[in-house]
Amino acid sequence: MKHAEVVCAVVRNERGEVLCCKRGPGRAHEGMWEFPGGKVEPSESHEQTIVREIKEELKTTIEPIRYLGKSYYEYTDLDKPFSITMYAYECKLIEGCFELTEHTEKKWLKIKDLETLELAPADLPIKNFLRIFQN
């Protein structure tokens, strides 16, 4: 089974809410919610990847400030199954307004309200890390 390393950004606003984005058409788990991010390219650090991915996907500049943890997920329900290890980083906004280019919707939610979303399976453990690092 093919495997990829990916990173996701947990961005908080001034009210302590976190950014969630709805997965766009043609992607695994289309229509589910996620913490935005993407695949680590060869010779890129996780921190470089998350900055690049958020710039590409959301036209926004962020800065990783804290590693939160990782999750593992196997996409076995697809024509070409694969697995991912996802590394989550808390990030702060440097510049931009989160313009959607690959997602169909965005929301800012309190950590306790993440339960209201249908999160992609790989993102579910990230929700638990957020409970631990609430402050």
C-alpha atoms as a PDB file:
ATOM      1  CA  MET A   1       0.000   0.000   0.000  1.00  0.00           C
ATOM      2  CA  LYS A   2       1.325   3.427  -0.930  1.00  0.00           C
ATOM      3  CA  HIS A   3       2.036   5.733   2.032  1.00  0.00           C
ATOM      4  CA  ALA A   4       2.308   9.531   2.295  1.00  0.00           C
ATOM      5  CA  GLU A   5       3.290  11.934   5.024  1.00  0.00           C
ATOM      6  CA  VAL A   6       1.016  14.947   5.305  1.00  0.00           C
ATOM      7  CA  VAL A   7       0.741  17.938   7.610  1.00  0.00           C
ATOM      8  CA  CYS A   8      -2.231  19.977   8.762  1.00  0.00           C
ATOM      9  CA  ALA A   9      -2.553  23.458  10.204  1.00  0.00           C
ATOM     10  CA  VAL A  10      -4.629  24.236  13.257  1.00  0.00           C
ATOM     11  CA  VAL A  11      -5.089  27.987  13.005  1.00  0.00           C
ATOM     12  CA  ARG A  12      -6.776  29.894  15.838  1.00  0.00           C
ATOM     13  CA  ASN A  13      -8.395  33.301  15.598  1.00  0.00           C
ATOM     14  CA  GLU A  14      -8.505  35.983  18.286  1.00  0.00           C
ATOM     15  CA  ARG A  15     -11.630  34.336  19.809  1.00  0.00           C
ATOM     16  CA  GLY A  16      -9.836  30.990  20.249  1.00  0.00           C
ATOM     17  CA  GLU A  17     -11.772  29.335  17.428  1.00  0.00           C
ATOM     18  CA  VAL A  18     -10.035  26.985  14.990  1.00  0.00           C
ATOM     19  CA  LEU A  19     -10.312  26.978  11.206  1.00  0.00           C
ATOM     20  CA  CYS A  20     -11.937  23.987   9.501  1.00  0.00           C
ATOM     21  CA  CYS A  21     -12.382  23.569   5.758  1.00  0.00           C
ATOM     22  CA  LYS A  22     -14.753  21.356   3.766  1.00  0.00           C
ATOM     23  CA  ARG A  23     -13.026  18.984   1.330  1.00  0.00           C
ATOM     24  CA  GLY A  24     -13.679  19.840  -2.304  1.00  0.00           C
ATOM     25  CA  PRO A  25     -14.929  17.715  -5.190  1.00  0.00           C
ATOM     26  CA  GLY A  26     -12.871  14.804  -6.469  1.00  0.00           C
ATOM     27  CA  ARG A  27     -10.935  14.264  -3.231  1.00  0.00           C
ATOM     28  CA  ALA A  28     -11.087  11.294  -0.874  1.00  0.00           C
ATOM     29  CA  HIS A  29     -13.826  11.927   1.699  1.00  0.00           C
ATOM     30  CA  GLU A  30     -15.279  14.726  -0.418  1.00  0.00           C
ATOM     31  CA  GLY A  31     -17.613  16.969   1.573  1.00  0.00           C
ATOM     32  CA  MET A  32     -16.105  16.098   4.948  1.00  0.00           C
ATOM     33  CA  TRP A  33     -14.369  18.683   7.099  1.00  0.00           C
ATOM     34  CA  GLU A  34     -10.638  18.864   7.799  1.00  0.00           C
ATOM     35  CA  PHE A  35      -7.850  20.942   9.173  1.00  0.00           C
ATOM     36  CA  PRO A  36      -6.185  22.238   5.967  1.00  0.00           C
ATOM     37  CA  GLY A  37      -2.788  21.032   4.830  1.00  0.00           C
ATOM     38  CA  GLY A  38      -1.173  18.646   2.403  1.00  0.00           C
ATOM     39  CA  LYS A  39       1.519  16.243   1.351  1.00  0.00           C
ATOM     40  CA  VAL A  40       5.148  16.604   2.408  1.00  0.00           C
ATOM     41  CA  GLU A  41       7.413  16.881  -0.640  1.00  0.00           C
ATOM     42  CA  PRO A  42      10.915  15.342  -0.755  1.00  0.00           C
ATOM     43  CA  SER A  43      13.524  17.470   1.070  1.00  0.00           C
ATOM     44  CA  GLU A  44      10.813  19.608   2.746  1.00  0.00           C
ATOM     45  CA  SER A  45      10.429  19.858   6.505  1.00  0.00           C
ATOM     46  CA  HIS A  46       6.949  19.564   7.991  1.00  0.00           C
ATOM     47  CA  GLU A  47       7.043  23.255   8.840  1.00  0.00           C
ATOM     48  CA  GLN A  48       8.001  24.237   5.273  1.00  0.00           C
ATOM     49  CA  THR A  49       5.238  22.013   3.909  1.00  0.00           C
ATOM     50  CA  ILE A  50       2.476  23.518   6.025  1.00  0.00           C
ATOM     51  CA  VAL A  51       3.502  27.068   5.113  1.00  0.00           C
ATOM     52  CA  ARG A  52       3.582  26.152   1.389  1.00  0.00           C
ATOM     53  CA  GLU A  53       0.306  24.221   1.435  1.00  0.00           C
ATOM     54  CA  ILE A  54      -1.660  26.959   3.207  1.00  0.00           C
ATOM     55  CA  LYS A  55      -0.227  29.565   0.820  1.00  0.00           C
ATOM     56  CA  GLU A  56      -1.310  27.391  -2.169  1.00  0.00           C
ATOM     57  CA  GLU A  57      -4.714  26.274  -0.871  1.00  0.00           C
ATOM     58  CA  LEU A  58      -5.848  29.336   1.080  1.00  0.00           C
ATOM     59  CA  LYS A  59      -3.721  32.240  -0.227  1.00  0.00           C
ATOM     60  CA  THR A  60      -2.619  32.913   3.348  1.00  0.00           C
ATOM     61  CA  THR A  61       0.717  33.085   5.168  1.00  0.00           C
ATOM     62  CA  ILE A  62       0.989  31.253   8.477  1.00  0.00           C
ATOM     63  CA  GLU A  63       3.740  30.383  10.915  1.00  0.00           C
ATOM     64  CA  PRO A  64       3.891  27.004  12.704  1.00  0.00           C
ATOM     65  CA  ILE A  65       4.288  27.578  16.446  1.00  0.00           C
ATOM     66  CA  ARG A  66       3.699  24.198  18.128  1.00  0.00           C
ATOM     67  CA  TYR A  67       3.611  20.521  17.155  1.00  0.00           C
ATOM     68  CA  LEU A  68       0.404  18.912  18.447  1.00  0.00           C
ATOM     69  CA  GLY A  69       0.695  15.249  17.440  1.00  0.00           C
ATOM     70  CA  LYS A  70       0.139  12.798  14.602  1.00  0.00           C
ATOM     71  CA  SER A  71      -2.522  10.440  13.306  1.00  0.00           C
ATOM     72  CA  TYR A  72      -2.467   7.468  10.954  1.00  0.00           C
ATOM     73  CA  TYR A  73      -5.219   6.496   8.514  1.00  0.00           C
ATOM     74  CA  GLU A  74      -5.668   3.883   5.761  1.00  0.00           C
ATOM     75  CA  TYR A  75      -7.860   4.794   2.784  1.00  0.00           C
ATOM     76  CA  THR A  76      -8.952   1.227   1.982  1.00  0.00           C
ATOM     77  CA  ASP A  77     -12.309   2.122   0.380  1.00  0.00           C
ATOM     78  CA  LEU A  78     -10.729   3.616  -2.785  1.00  0.00           C
ATOM     79  CA  ASP A  79      -9.751   2.124  -6.165  1.00  0.00           C
ATOM     80  CA  LYS A  80      -6.097   2.636  -5.224  1.00  0.00           C
ATOM     81  CA  PRO A  81      -5.818   2.235  -1.432  1.00  0.00           C
ATOM     82  CA  PHE A  82      -3.168   4.247   0.399  1.00  0.00           C
ATOM     83  CA  SER A  83      -2.261   5.308   3.922  1.00  0.00           C
ATOM     84  CA  ILE A  84      -1.171   8.570   5.489  1.00  0.00           C
ATOM     85  CA  THR A  85       0.574   9.752   8.603  1.00  0.00           C
ATOM     86  CA  MET A  86      -0.657  13.261   9.387  1.00  0.00           C
ATOM     87  CA  TYR A  87       1.317  15.651  11.588  1.00  0.00           C
ATOM     88  CA  ALA A  88      -0.655  18.501  13.168  1.00  0.00           C
ATOM     89  CA  TYR A  89       0.812  21.922  13.942  1.00  0.00           C
ATOM     90  CA  GLU A  90      -0.774  24.841  15.701  1.00  0.00           C
ATOM     91  CA  CYS A  91      -0.125  27.875  13.516  1.00  0.00           C
ATOM     92  CA  LYS A  92      -0.615  31.608  13.729  1.00  0.00           C
ATOM     93  CA  LEU A  93      -1.882  33.851  10.968  1.00  0.00           C
ATOM     94  CA  ILE A  94       0.747  36.161   9.517  1.00  0.00           C
ATOM     95  CA  GLU A  95      -1.121  37.575   6.501  1.00  0.00           C
ATOM     96  CA  GLY A  96      -4.184  36.806   4.381  1.00  0.00           C
ATOM     97  CA  CYS A  97      -7.872  36.010   4.652  1.00  0.00           C
ATOM     98  CA  PHE A  98      -8.139  32.261   3.862  1.00  0.00           C
ATOM     99  CA  GLU A  99      -9.384  32.447   0.265  1.00  0.00           C
ATOM    100  CA  LEU A 100     -10.763  29.018  -0.718  1.00  0.00           C
ATOM    101  CA  THR A 101      -9.152  27.456  -3.811  1.00  0.00           C
ATOM    102  CA  GLU A 102      -9.576  23.704  -3.142  1.00  0.00           C
ATOM    103  CA  HIS A 103     -12.213  23.666  -0.410  1.00  0.00           C
ATOM    104  CA  THR A 104     -15.899  24.509  -0.741  1.00  0.00           C
ATOM    105  CA  GLU A 105     -16.496  26.089   2.664  1.00  0.00           C
ATOM    106  CA  LYS A 106     -14.694  27.253   5.814  1.00  0.00           C
ATOM    107  CA  LYS A 107     -15.794  27.686   9.420  1.00  0.00           C
ATOM    108  CA  TRP A 108     -14.283  28.993  12.635  1.00  0.00           C
ATOM    109  CA  LEU A 109     -15.382  26.862  15.581  1.00  0.00           C
ATOM    110  CA  LYS A 110     -14.724  26.574  19.291  1.00  0.00           C
ATOM    111  CA  ILE A 111     -12.990  23.293  20.113  1.00  0.00           C
ATOM    112  CA  LYS A 112     -16.101  22.006  21.894  1.00  0.00           C
ATOM    113  CA  ASP A 113     -18.149  22.669  18.723  1.00  0.00           C
ATOM    114  CA  LEU A 114     -15.939  20.499  16.485  1.00  0.00           C
ATOM    115  CA  GLU A 115     -18.352  17.678  17.407  1.00  0.00           C
ATOM    116  CA  THR A 116     -20.926  19.300  15.091  1.00  0.00           C
ATOM    117  CA  LEU A 117     -18.800  18.609  11.992  1.00  0.00           C
ATOM    118  CA  GLU A 118     -18.326  15.408  10.050  1.00  0.00           C
ATOM    119  CA  LEU A 119     -14.527  15.418  10.236  1.00  0.00           C
ATOM    120  CA  ALA A 120     -12.475  13.300   7.852  1.00  0.00           C
ATOM    121  CA  PRO A 121     -11.252  10.161   9.683  1.00  0.00           C
ATOM    122  CA  ALA A 122      -7.577  11.202   9.701  1.00  0.00           C
ATOM    123  CA  ASP A 123      -8.563  14.506  11.349  1.00  0.00           C
ATOM    124  CA  LEU A 124     -10.509  12.962  14.244  1.00  0.00           C
ATOM    125  CA  PRO A 125      -7.432  12.414  16.465  1.00  0.00           C
ATOM    126  CA  ILE A 126      -6.425  16.055  15.910  1.00  0.00           C
ATOM    127  CA  LYS A 127      -9.638  17.093  17.640  1.00  0.00           C
ATOM    128  CA  ASN A 128      -8.448  15.169  20.721  1.00  0.00           C
ATOM    129  CA  PHE A 129      -5.026  16.873  20.634  1.00  0.00           C
ATOM    130  CA  LEU A 130      -6.840  20.223  20.675  1.00  0.00           C
ATOM    131  CA  ARG A 131      -8.645  19.298  23.865  1.00  0.00           C
ATOM    132  CA  ILE A 132      -5.270  18.595  25.497  1.00  0.00           C
ATOM    133  CA  PHE A 133      -3.695  21.854  24.221  1.00  0.00           C
ATOM    134  CA  GLN A 134      -6.720  24.141  24.740  1.00  0.00           C
ATOM    135  CA  ASN A 135      -4.736  26.925  26.370  1.00  0.00           C
END
